[in-house]
Amino acid sequence: MSPRDEFQVLLRRIGRWWAVDIPRLDLHTQGRTLEGAEDLARGLVAEAVGVPPEVIALNMVVPELAPVLGPVTEARHRRAAAVAAEDEAIAAAVHELVDKLHISQGDAARLLGMPPSEVAHFTPQRGSATAGTGQSAGQRAPAPAPTPPRPAAAPASNSRPGLPRRPRQTASSAWATSDDGAAGRG
C-alpha cells in the first residue's frame, strides 16, 4: 500500500461531535471539530499503514451534506475550467499579437485589458531555452513594457481590492473601432 494512496474518510454529525469512519481500514473515531476529526483520521491512517501523517492523503466526505456542498464543488470545478479556458485564450491572443503581429507587450496588455506583467507571463523570455530560435545569442531581451496609464474615462472602481483573481476589462469595452477602421477610445 502506497502512502500517497487516498483514503476516504466518511464524517457524520452526532450531536456536537463528528463521527469519523475510514472504511478501507475499518477504523473509527470521533472529534469535536472538523479540523480535529481530520487530524485524528490522518493519525489513525498513518499508524495503520506505518508512514508519517504528513504524507497521508485524505478525501473527507460528509454524505448528509452533499446536497448543500455539491453545488459549491460543481461551481468551483466550472470556475477552474473557465479560468483554464481563459488562460488558453489569452495565451493564444498574446502569441498572435506579440509574436506574429509584433505588437508590443504594453499595447497587447492594453488591448487585452490586463497588466503588462501578466502579458509577460504568457510570453516566453527572448533568449531563453524556451524561446523560439529566431533570436541570436548576442541579442538582449527587451526591457519589460511600462504599465500604460489608465484611460481618463475609466472609473476608479475597476481596481477595487477583493475582486476575482484577474479582473479584466474586455477589449470591446476598452477600445472601439470607428467606421474608417482607426482604433480609438470608446
N, C-alpha and C. Protein backbone atom coordinates (compact mmCIF):
# COMPACT_ATOMS: atom_id res chain seq x y z
N MET A 1 0.85 -1.19 0.00
CA MET A 1 0.00 0.00 0.00
C MET A 1 0.89 1.24 0.00
N SER A 2 0.69 2.13 -0.95
CA SER A 2 1.48 3.35 -1.07
C SER A 2 0.95 4.43 -0.13
N PRO A 3 1.83 5.19 0.53
CA PRO A 3 1.36 6.25 1.41
C PRO A 3 0.63 7.36 0.66
N ARG A 4 0.84 7.50 -0.65
CA ARG A 4 0.15 8.53 -1.42
C ARG A 4 -1.23 8.08 -1.85
N ASP A 5 -1.61 6.85 -1.56
CA ASP A 5 -2.97 6.41 -1.83
C ASP A 5 -3.91 7.33 -1.05
N GLU A 6 -5.03 7.63 -1.65
CA GLU A 6 -6.01 8.48 -0.97
C GLU A 6 -6.96 7.61 -0.17
N PHE A 7 -7.20 8.01 1.05
CA PHE A 7 -8.11 7.29 1.93
C PHE A 7 -9.37 8.11 2.11
N GLN A 8 -10.51 7.48 1.82
CA GLN A 8 -11.78 8.16 2.01
C GLN A 8 -12.14 8.15 3.49
N VAL A 9 -12.54 9.32 3.99
CA VAL A 9 -12.96 9.47 5.38
C VAL A 9 -14.40 9.94 5.37
N LEU A 10 -15.30 9.13 5.92
CA LEU A 10 -16.71 9.49 5.99
C LEU A 10 -16.98 10.14 7.33
N LEU A 11 -17.62 11.30 7.29
CA LEU A 11 -17.94 12.05 8.50
C LEU A 11 -19.44 12.19 8.63
N ARG A 12 -19.91 12.13 9.85
CA ARG A 12 -21.32 12.44 10.11
C ARG A 12 -21.45 13.10 11.46
N ARG A 13 -22.39 13.98 11.56
CA ARG A 13 -22.59 14.74 12.78
C ARG A 13 -23.41 13.92 13.76
N ILE A 14 -22.91 13.81 15.00
CA ILE A 14 -23.64 13.18 16.09
C ILE A 14 -23.61 14.16 17.25
N GLY A 15 -24.72 14.89 17.43
CA GLY A 15 -24.75 15.93 18.46
C GLY A 15 -23.73 17.00 18.14
N ARG A 16 -22.78 17.22 19.08
CA ARG A 16 -21.76 18.24 18.87
C ARG A 16 -20.43 17.62 18.41
N TRP A 17 -20.45 16.35 18.05
CA TRP A 17 -19.25 15.63 17.65
C TRP A 17 -19.33 15.22 16.18
N TRP A 18 -18.17 14.95 15.60
CA TRP A 18 -18.07 14.40 14.27
C TRP A 18 -17.62 12.97 14.37
N ALA A 19 -18.46 12.05 13.91
CA ALA A 19 -18.07 10.64 13.84
C ALA A 19 -17.21 10.47 12.59
N VAL A 20 -16.10 9.74 12.75
CA VAL A 20 -15.13 9.57 11.68
C VAL A 20 -15.01 8.09 11.36
N ASP A 21 -15.27 7.72 10.10
CA ASP A 21 -15.15 6.33 9.66
C ASP A 21 -14.20 6.28 8.47
N ILE A 22 -13.24 5.34 8.54
CA ILE A 22 -12.31 5.12 7.44
C ILE A 22 -12.56 3.69 6.97
N PRO A 23 -13.51 3.52 6.02
CA PRO A 23 -13.96 2.18 5.63
C PRO A 23 -12.85 1.27 5.12
N ARG A 24 -11.93 1.78 4.37
CA ARG A 24 -10.87 0.96 3.78
C ARG A 24 -10.03 0.23 4.83
N LEU A 25 -9.87 0.87 5.99
CA LEU A 25 -9.05 0.27 7.06
C LEU A 25 -9.90 -0.17 8.25
N ASP A 26 -11.22 -0.01 8.14
CA ASP A 26 -12.14 -0.34 9.21
C ASP A 26 -11.75 0.34 10.52
N LEU A 27 -11.49 1.65 10.42
CA LEU A 27 -11.12 2.45 11.59
C LEU A 27 -12.23 3.45 11.89
N HIS A 28 -12.38 3.75 13.18
CA HIS A 28 -13.43 4.68 13.61
C HIS A 28 -12.90 5.52 14.77
N THR A 29 -13.32 6.79 14.80
CA THR A 29 -13.00 7.68 15.92
C THR A 29 -14.01 8.82 15.89
N GLN A 30 -13.81 9.82 16.71
CA GLN A 30 -14.67 10.99 16.69
C GLN A 30 -13.88 12.20 17.13
N GLY A 31 -14.32 13.37 16.66
CA GLY A 31 -13.66 14.62 17.01
C GLY A 31 -14.68 15.71 17.21
N ARG A 32 -14.28 16.72 17.99
CA ARG A 32 -15.19 17.82 18.31
C ARG A 32 -15.36 18.77 17.12
N THR A 33 -14.27 18.97 16.36
CA THR A 33 -14.31 19.88 15.20
C THR A 33 -13.90 19.10 13.95
N LEU A 34 -14.17 19.66 12.80
CA LEU A 34 -13.74 19.04 11.55
C LEU A 34 -12.21 18.96 11.49
N GLU A 35 -11.54 20.02 11.93
CA GLU A 35 -10.08 20.00 11.93
C GLU A 35 -9.55 18.90 12.84
N GLY A 36 -10.14 18.77 14.02
CA GLY A 36 -9.73 17.72 14.94
C GLY A 36 -10.03 16.34 14.38
N ALA A 37 -11.18 16.19 13.72
CA ALA A 37 -11.53 14.90 13.12
C ALA A 37 -10.55 14.53 12.01
N GLU A 38 -10.16 15.51 11.21
CA GLU A 38 -9.20 15.26 10.13
C GLU A 38 -7.84 14.87 10.72
N ASP A 39 -7.40 15.58 11.74
CA ASP A 39 -6.12 15.25 12.38
C ASP A 39 -6.13 13.84 12.95
N LEU A 40 -7.24 13.47 13.61
CA LEU A 40 -7.36 12.12 14.17
C LEU A 40 -7.35 11.07 13.06
N ALA A 41 -8.10 11.32 12.00
CA ALA A 41 -8.15 10.37 10.88
C ALA A 41 -6.76 10.20 10.26
N ARG A 42 -6.06 11.30 10.06
CA ARG A 42 -4.72 11.25 9.47
C ARG A 42 -3.78 10.45 10.36
N GLY A 43 -3.86 10.67 11.67
CA GLY A 43 -3.02 9.93 12.62
C GLY A 43 -3.33 8.45 12.63
N LEU A 44 -4.62 8.09 12.59
CA LEU A 44 -5.01 6.68 12.57
C LEU A 44 -4.52 5.98 11.30
N VAL A 45 -4.70 6.63 10.15
CA VAL A 45 -4.25 6.03 8.89
C VAL A 45 -2.73 5.89 8.89
N ALA A 46 -2.03 6.92 9.34
CA ALA A 46 -0.56 6.88 9.36
C ALA A 46 -0.07 5.73 10.23
N GLU A 47 -0.69 5.56 11.37
CA GLU A 47 -0.29 4.46 12.27
C GLU A 47 -0.61 3.11 11.64
N ALA A 48 -1.76 3.01 11.00
CA ALA A 48 -2.17 1.73 10.41
C ALA A 48 -1.29 1.31 9.24
N VAL A 49 -0.83 2.27 8.43
CA VAL A 49 -0.02 1.92 7.26
C VAL A 49 1.47 2.12 7.51
N GLY A 50 1.83 2.69 8.66
CA GLY A 50 3.23 2.82 9.03
C GLY A 50 4.01 3.88 8.28
N VAL A 51 3.37 5.04 8.05
CA VAL A 51 4.06 6.16 7.40
C VAL A 51 3.79 7.43 8.21
N PRO A 52 4.59 8.50 7.98
CA PRO A 52 4.34 9.76 8.68
C PRO A 52 2.99 10.36 8.29
N PRO A 53 2.30 11.01 9.22
CA PRO A 53 0.97 11.58 8.93
C PRO A 53 0.97 12.59 7.79
N GLU A 54 2.05 13.34 7.61
CA GLU A 54 2.05 14.40 6.59
C GLU A 54 2.05 13.87 5.15
N VAL A 55 2.28 12.57 4.96
CA VAL A 55 2.25 12.03 3.59
C VAL A 55 0.91 11.37 3.27
N ILE A 56 0.00 11.37 4.22
CA ILE A 56 -1.31 10.74 4.03
C ILE A 56 -2.24 11.70 3.30
N ALA A 57 -2.89 11.22 2.24
CA ALA A 57 -3.89 11.99 1.50
C ALA A 57 -5.27 11.49 1.90
N LEU A 58 -6.10 12.42 2.36
CA LEU A 58 -7.45 12.07 2.80
C LEU A 58 -8.48 12.74 1.89
N ASN A 59 -9.58 12.02 1.64
CA ASN A 59 -10.72 12.58 0.94
C ASN A 59 -11.85 12.63 1.96
N MET A 60 -12.05 13.81 2.55
CA MET A 60 -13.04 14.00 3.60
C MET A 60 -14.42 14.17 2.96
N VAL A 61 -15.38 13.30 3.34
CA VAL A 61 -16.71 13.31 2.74
C VAL A 61 -17.75 13.35 3.85
N VAL A 62 -18.72 14.25 3.69
CA VAL A 62 -19.85 14.33 4.61
C VAL A 62 -21.10 14.05 3.77
N PRO A 63 -21.48 12.76 3.63
CA PRO A 63 -22.59 12.40 2.73
C PRO A 63 -23.88 13.15 2.99
N GLU A 64 -24.23 13.37 4.26
CA GLU A 64 -25.51 14.03 4.56
C GLU A 64 -25.53 15.50 4.13
N LEU A 65 -24.35 16.08 3.90
CA LEU A 65 -24.29 17.48 3.46
C LEU A 65 -24.04 17.62 1.96
N ALA A 66 -24.04 16.51 1.23
CA ALA A 66 -23.80 16.54 -0.21
C ALA A 66 -24.76 17.49 -0.95
N PRO A 67 -26.06 17.53 -0.60
CA PRO A 67 -26.95 18.45 -1.31
C PRO A 67 -26.56 19.92 -1.10
N VAL A 68 -25.94 20.23 0.03
CA VAL A 68 -25.53 21.61 0.31
C VAL A 68 -24.17 21.90 -0.32
N LEU A 69 -23.22 20.97 -0.18
CA LEU A 69 -21.84 21.20 -0.62
C LEU A 69 -21.62 20.86 -2.10
N GLY A 70 -22.44 19.96 -2.65
CA GLY A 70 -22.28 19.54 -4.05
C GLY A 70 -22.31 20.69 -5.04
N PRO A 71 -23.31 21.58 -4.96
CA PRO A 71 -23.35 22.70 -5.91
C PRO A 71 -22.12 23.61 -5.81
N VAL A 72 -21.58 23.77 -4.62
CA VAL A 72 -20.38 24.60 -4.44
C VAL A 72 -19.19 23.93 -5.14
N THR A 73 -19.05 22.63 -4.94
CA THR A 73 -17.96 21.89 -5.58
C THR A 73 -18.09 21.96 -7.10
N GLU A 74 -19.30 21.77 -7.60
CA GLU A 74 -19.52 21.86 -9.05
C GLU A 74 -19.20 23.25 -9.58
N ALA A 75 -19.61 24.28 -8.85
CA ALA A 75 -19.33 25.66 -9.28
C ALA A 75 -17.83 25.91 -9.29
N ARG A 76 -17.11 25.39 -8.31
CA ARG A 76 -15.65 25.55 -8.29
C ARG A 76 -14.99 24.84 -9.46
N HIS A 77 -15.49 23.67 -9.81
CA HIS A 77 -14.95 22.96 -10.97
C HIS A 77 -15.22 23.76 -12.25
N ARG A 78 -16.43 24.31 -12.38
CA ARG A 78 -16.75 25.12 -13.56
C ARG A 78 -15.87 26.37 -13.62
N ARG A 79 -15.65 27.00 -12.46
CA ARG A 79 -14.80 28.18 -12.43
C ARG A 79 -13.37 27.83 -12.83
N ALA A 80 -12.84 26.72 -12.31
CA ALA A 80 -11.48 26.30 -12.66
C ALA A 80 -11.38 26.03 -14.16
N ALA A 81 -12.41 25.40 -14.73
CA ALA A 81 -12.41 25.14 -16.17
C ALA A 81 -12.47 26.45 -16.96
N ALA A 82 -13.26 27.40 -16.47
CA ALA A 82 -13.37 28.70 -17.14
C ALA A 82 -12.04 29.46 -17.07
N VAL A 83 -11.37 29.41 -15.93
CA VAL A 83 -10.07 30.08 -15.79
C VAL A 83 -9.06 29.43 -16.73
N ALA A 84 -9.07 28.10 -16.81
CA ALA A 84 -8.15 27.40 -17.72
C ALA A 84 -8.45 27.78 -19.17
N ALA A 85 -9.73 27.87 -19.54
CA ALA A 85 -10.10 28.26 -20.91
C ALA A 85 -9.69 29.71 -21.17
N GLU A 86 -9.86 30.58 -20.18
CA GLU A 86 -9.45 31.98 -20.33
C GLU A 86 -7.94 32.06 -20.52
N ASP A 87 -7.18 31.34 -19.71
CA ASP A 87 -5.72 31.35 -19.84
C ASP A 87 -5.28 30.85 -21.21
N GLU A 88 -5.95 29.83 -21.72
CA GLU A 88 -5.63 29.30 -23.04
C GLU A 88 -5.93 30.35 -24.12
N ALA A 89 -7.06 31.03 -24.00
CA ALA A 89 -7.42 32.06 -24.98
C ALA A 89 -6.45 33.24 -24.91
N ILE A 90 -6.06 33.62 -23.70
CA ILE A 90 -5.10 34.72 -23.53
C ILE A 90 -3.76 34.33 -24.14
N ALA A 91 -3.31 33.12 -23.87
CA ALA A 91 -2.02 32.67 -24.40
C ALA A 91 -2.04 32.72 -25.93
N ALA A 92 -3.12 32.27 -26.53
CA ALA A 92 -3.23 32.29 -28.00
C ALA A 92 -3.25 33.73 -28.51
N ALA A 93 -3.98 34.61 -27.83
CA ALA A 93 -4.05 36.01 -28.26
C ALA A 93 -2.70 36.69 -28.10
N VAL A 94 -2.02 36.45 -26.99
CA VAL A 94 -0.71 37.06 -26.77
C VAL A 94 0.27 36.57 -27.83
N HIS A 95 0.24 35.28 -28.11
CA HIS A 95 1.12 34.74 -29.15
C HIS A 95 0.87 35.43 -30.48
N GLU A 96 -0.38 35.56 -30.85
CA GLU A 96 -0.74 36.19 -32.12
C GLU A 96 -0.34 37.67 -32.13
N LEU A 97 -0.68 38.39 -31.06
CA LEU A 97 -0.40 39.83 -31.02
C LEU A 97 1.09 40.14 -30.94
N VAL A 98 1.78 39.48 -30.02
CA VAL A 98 3.19 39.82 -29.76
C VAL A 98 4.13 39.13 -30.73
N ASP A 99 3.99 37.83 -30.89
CA ASP A 99 4.94 37.08 -31.70
C ASP A 99 4.70 37.20 -33.19
N LYS A 100 3.46 37.18 -33.62
CA LYS A 100 3.19 37.19 -35.06
C LYS A 100 2.95 38.60 -35.61
N LEU A 101 2.20 39.41 -34.87
CA LEU A 101 1.88 40.76 -35.36
C LEU A 101 2.87 41.82 -34.84
N HIS A 102 3.79 41.41 -33.97
CA HIS A 102 4.84 42.27 -33.43
C HIS A 102 4.29 43.51 -32.72
N ILE A 103 3.19 43.32 -32.02
CA ILE A 103 2.63 44.38 -31.19
C ILE A 103 3.37 44.32 -29.86
N SER A 104 3.68 45.45 -29.26
CA SER A 104 4.42 45.47 -28.00
C SER A 104 3.60 44.80 -26.90
N GLN A 105 4.30 44.32 -25.90
CA GLN A 105 3.60 43.71 -24.76
C GLN A 105 2.71 44.73 -24.07
N GLY A 106 3.17 45.97 -23.99
CA GLY A 106 2.36 47.02 -23.37
C GLY A 106 1.06 47.25 -24.12
N ASP A 107 1.15 47.31 -25.47
CA ASP A 107 -0.06 47.51 -26.27
C ASP A 107 -0.95 46.28 -26.23
N ALA A 108 -0.34 45.09 -26.24
CA ALA A 108 -1.14 43.87 -26.13
C ALA A 108 -1.87 43.85 -24.79
N ALA A 109 -1.18 44.27 -23.75
CA ALA A 109 -1.81 44.33 -22.42
C ALA A 109 -3.01 45.27 -22.45
N ARG A 110 -2.83 46.42 -23.07
CA ARG A 110 -3.92 47.40 -23.15
C ARG A 110 -5.10 46.81 -23.93
N LEU A 111 -4.82 46.16 -25.04
CA LEU A 111 -5.89 45.56 -25.86
C LEU A 111 -6.62 44.45 -25.11
N LEU A 112 -5.88 43.69 -24.31
CA LEU A 112 -6.48 42.58 -23.56
C LEU A 112 -7.06 43.01 -22.22
N GLY A 113 -6.83 44.27 -21.83
CA GLY A 113 -7.37 44.78 -20.57
C GLY A 113 -6.73 44.13 -19.36
N MET A 114 -5.41 43.94 -19.41
CA MET A 114 -4.71 43.30 -18.31
C MET A 114 -3.36 43.96 -18.12
N PRO A 115 -2.72 43.78 -16.95
CA PRO A 115 -1.42 44.40 -16.71
C PRO A 115 -0.34 43.79 -17.61
N PRO A 116 0.64 44.59 -18.01
CA PRO A 116 1.73 44.07 -18.84
C PRO A 116 2.47 42.90 -18.20
N SER A 117 2.54 42.89 -16.89
CA SER A 117 3.23 41.78 -16.21
C SER A 117 2.53 40.46 -16.49
N GLU A 118 1.22 40.48 -16.64
CA GLU A 118 0.50 39.25 -16.97
C GLU A 118 0.73 38.85 -18.41
N VAL A 119 0.81 39.81 -19.31
CA VAL A 119 1.11 39.50 -20.70
C VAL A 119 2.50 38.87 -20.76
N ALA A 120 3.44 39.41 -20.00
CA ALA A 120 4.79 38.85 -19.97
C ALA A 120 4.76 37.41 -19.48
N HIS A 121 3.85 37.09 -18.60
CA HIS A 121 3.71 35.71 -18.09
C HIS A 121 3.39 34.75 -19.23
N PHE A 122 2.65 35.23 -20.24
CA PHE A 122 2.25 34.38 -21.35
C PHE A 122 3.22 34.44 -22.52
N THR A 123 4.28 35.25 -22.39
CA THR A 123 5.25 35.42 -23.46
C THR A 123 6.57 34.79 -23.03
N PRO A 124 7.13 33.86 -23.82
CA PRO A 124 8.42 33.27 -23.44
C PRO A 124 9.51 34.34 -23.45
N GLN A 125 10.45 34.22 -22.52
CA GLN A 125 11.58 35.15 -22.46
C GLN A 125 12.41 35.01 -23.71
N ARG A 126 12.73 36.09 -24.33
CA ARG A 126 13.60 36.06 -25.51
C ARG A 126 15.00 35.69 -25.06
N GLY A 127 15.64 34.79 -25.81
CA GLY A 127 16.98 34.38 -25.48
C GLY A 127 17.03 33.24 -24.48
N SER A 128 15.87 32.78 -23.97
CA SER A 128 15.86 31.67 -23.03
C SER A 128 15.74 30.37 -23.80
N ALA A 129 15.90 29.28 -23.09
CA ALA A 129 15.82 27.96 -23.72
C ALA A 129 14.42 27.68 -24.24
N THR A 130 13.41 28.35 -23.68
CA THR A 130 12.03 28.10 -24.10
C THR A 130 11.61 28.99 -25.25
N ALA A 131 12.41 29.99 -25.57
CA ALA A 131 12.04 30.90 -26.65
C ALA A 131 12.32 30.25 -27.99
N GLY A 132 11.75 30.82 -29.03
CA GLY A 132 11.97 30.30 -30.38
C GLY A 132 13.41 30.52 -30.81
N THR A 133 13.77 30.00 -31.97
CA THR A 133 15.14 30.07 -32.45
C THR A 133 15.41 31.33 -33.25
N GLY A 134 14.48 32.25 -33.34
CA GLY A 134 14.64 33.42 -34.17
C GLY A 134 15.57 34.47 -33.61
N GLN A 135 16.08 34.34 -32.41
CA GLN A 135 16.90 35.37 -31.81
C GLN A 135 18.32 34.85 -31.62
N SER A 136 19.28 35.67 -31.99
CA SER A 136 20.66 35.24 -31.84
C SER A 136 21.11 35.39 -30.40
N ALA A 137 22.20 34.69 -30.05
CA ALA A 137 22.68 34.68 -28.67
C ALA A 137 23.14 36.04 -28.21
N GLY A 138 23.57 36.92 -29.10
CA GLY A 138 24.10 38.22 -28.70
C GLY A 138 23.03 39.25 -28.38
N GLN A 139 21.78 39.02 -28.77
CA GLN A 139 20.73 39.99 -28.53
C GLN A 139 20.23 39.90 -27.10
N ARG A 140 19.92 41.07 -26.56
CA ARG A 140 19.38 41.12 -25.20
C ARG A 140 17.86 41.13 -25.25
N ALA A 141 17.28 40.58 -24.20
CA ALA A 141 15.81 40.61 -24.10
C ALA A 141 15.38 42.05 -23.89
N PRO A 142 14.26 42.46 -24.50
CA PRO A 142 13.80 43.82 -24.31
C PRO A 142 13.36 44.05 -22.87
N ALA A 143 13.48 45.29 -22.44
CA ALA A 143 13.03 45.64 -21.08
C ALA A 143 11.53 45.47 -21.01
N PRO A 144 11.01 45.12 -19.85
CA PRO A 144 9.56 44.98 -19.73
C PRO A 144 8.86 46.29 -20.06
N ALA A 145 7.73 46.17 -20.71
CA ALA A 145 6.97 47.35 -21.10
C ALA A 145 6.43 48.04 -19.85
N PRO A 146 6.44 49.38 -19.83
CA PRO A 146 5.88 50.08 -18.67
C PRO A 146 4.37 49.91 -18.63
N THR A 147 3.82 50.04 -17.46
CA THR A 147 2.38 49.94 -17.30
C THR A 147 1.74 51.14 -17.98
N PRO A 148 0.81 50.91 -18.91
CA PRO A 148 0.18 52.03 -19.59
C PRO A 148 -0.70 52.82 -18.62
N PRO A 149 -0.82 54.13 -18.82
CA PRO A 149 -1.67 54.92 -17.93
C PRO A 149 -3.12 54.51 -18.11
N ARG A 150 -3.89 54.67 -17.04
CA ARG A 150 -5.31 54.35 -17.10
C ARG A 150 -6.02 55.37 -17.96
N PRO A 151 -6.98 54.95 -18.77
CA PRO A 151 -7.77 55.92 -19.54
C PRO A 151 -8.50 56.85 -18.59
N ALA A 152 -8.58 58.12 -18.95
CA ALA A 152 -9.22 59.11 -18.08
C ALA A 152 -10.68 58.77 -17.82
N ALA A 153 -11.34 58.15 -18.79
CA ALA A 153 -12.76 57.86 -18.65
C ALA A 153 -13.04 56.62 -17.81
N ALA A 154 -12.00 55.84 -17.49
CA ALA A 154 -12.22 54.60 -16.74
C ALA A 154 -12.52 54.92 -15.29
N PRO A 155 -13.60 54.38 -14.73
CA PRO A 155 -13.91 54.63 -13.33
C PRO A 155 -12.91 53.93 -12.43
N ALA A 156 -12.61 54.54 -11.29
CA ALA A 156 -11.64 54.00 -10.35
C ALA A 156 -12.12 52.69 -9.74
N SER A 157 -13.40 52.41 -9.80
CA SER A 157 -13.93 51.19 -9.18
C SER A 157 -13.48 49.92 -9.90
N ASN A 158 -12.83 50.04 -11.09
CA ASN A 158 -12.36 48.86 -11.80
C ASN A 158 -11.23 48.15 -11.06
N SER A 159 -10.58 48.82 -10.12
CA SER A 159 -9.43 48.22 -9.46
C SER A 159 -9.65 48.04 -7.96
N ARG A 160 -10.87 47.74 -7.56
CA ARG A 160 -11.16 47.51 -6.15
C ARG A 160 -10.47 46.25 -5.67
N PRO A 161 -9.94 46.27 -4.43
CA PRO A 161 -9.39 45.02 -3.89
C PRO A 161 -10.50 44.02 -3.64
N GLY A 162 -10.15 42.75 -3.67
CA GLY A 162 -11.12 41.71 -3.37
C GLY A 162 -11.87 41.19 -4.57
N LEU A 163 -11.56 41.70 -5.77
CA LEU A 163 -12.21 41.18 -6.96
C LEU A 163 -11.57 39.86 -7.34
N PRO A 164 -12.15 39.10 -8.26
CA PRO A 164 -11.58 37.82 -8.66
C PRO A 164 -10.12 37.94 -9.10
N ARG A 165 -9.47 36.79 -9.23
CA ARG A 165 -8.04 36.67 -9.50
C ARG A 165 -7.53 37.63 -10.56
N ARG A 166 -8.19 37.72 -11.68
CA ARG A 166 -7.71 38.58 -12.76
C ARG A 166 -8.85 39.37 -13.36
N PRO A 167 -9.31 40.43 -12.69
CA PRO A 167 -10.39 41.19 -13.30
C PRO A 167 -9.86 41.89 -14.54
N ARG A 168 -10.63 41.85 -15.60
CA ARG A 168 -10.20 42.45 -16.85
C ARG A 168 -11.32 43.24 -17.47
N GLN A 169 -10.92 44.24 -18.16
CA GLN A 169 -11.85 44.97 -18.98
C GLN A 169 -11.80 44.31 -20.35
N THR A 170 -12.92 44.06 -20.96
CA THR A 170 -12.89 43.40 -22.26
C THR A 170 -12.39 44.37 -23.31
N ALA A 171 -11.80 43.83 -24.35
CA ALA A 171 -11.26 44.68 -25.41
C ALA A 171 -12.36 45.52 -26.04
N SER A 172 -13.57 44.96 -26.15
CA SER A 172 -14.64 45.71 -26.79
C SER A 172 -15.06 46.92 -25.96
N SER A 173 -14.91 46.84 -24.61
CA SER A 173 -15.29 47.99 -23.81
C SER A 173 -14.13 48.97 -23.68
N ALA A 174 -12.88 48.51 -23.89
CA ALA A 174 -11.73 49.39 -23.77
C ALA A 174 -11.48 50.13 -25.07
N TRP A 175 -11.76 49.51 -26.19
CA TRP A 175 -11.44 50.08 -27.49
C TRP A 175 -12.63 49.93 -28.42
N ALA A 176 -12.82 50.90 -29.23
CA ALA A 176 -13.86 50.82 -30.26
C ALA A 176 -13.22 51.16 -31.59
N THR A 177 -13.79 50.69 -32.65
CA THR A 177 -13.28 50.99 -33.98
C THR A 177 -14.28 51.89 -34.69
N SER A 178 -13.77 52.99 -35.20
CA SER A 178 -14.66 53.89 -35.93
C SER A 178 -14.91 53.33 -37.33
N ASP A 179 -15.77 53.98 -38.08
CA ASP A 179 -16.12 53.49 -39.41
C ASP A 179 -14.92 53.44 -40.36
N ASP A 180 -13.92 54.33 -40.14
CA ASP A 180 -12.76 54.32 -41.04
C ASP A 180 -11.71 53.30 -40.63
N GLY A 181 -11.97 52.53 -39.59
CA GLY A 181 -11.07 51.46 -39.19
C GLY A 181 -10.01 51.90 -38.20
N ALA A 182 -9.96 53.16 -37.82
CA ALA A 182 -8.96 53.61 -36.85
C ALA A 182 -9.43 53.29 -35.45
N ALA A 183 -8.51 52.78 -34.65
CA ALA A 183 -8.87 52.44 -33.27
C ALA A 183 -8.85 53.71 -32.44
N GLY A 184 -9.79 53.80 -31.53
CA GLY A 184 -9.83 54.95 -30.62
C GLY A 184 -10.54 54.56 -29.34
N ARG A 185 -10.55 55.42 -28.40
CA ARG A 185 -11.22 55.15 -27.13
C ARG A 185 -12.71 55.14 -27.34
N GLY A 186 -13.36 54.17 -26.67
CA GLY A 186 -14.82 54.04 -26.82
C GLY A 186 -15.57 54.85 -25.85
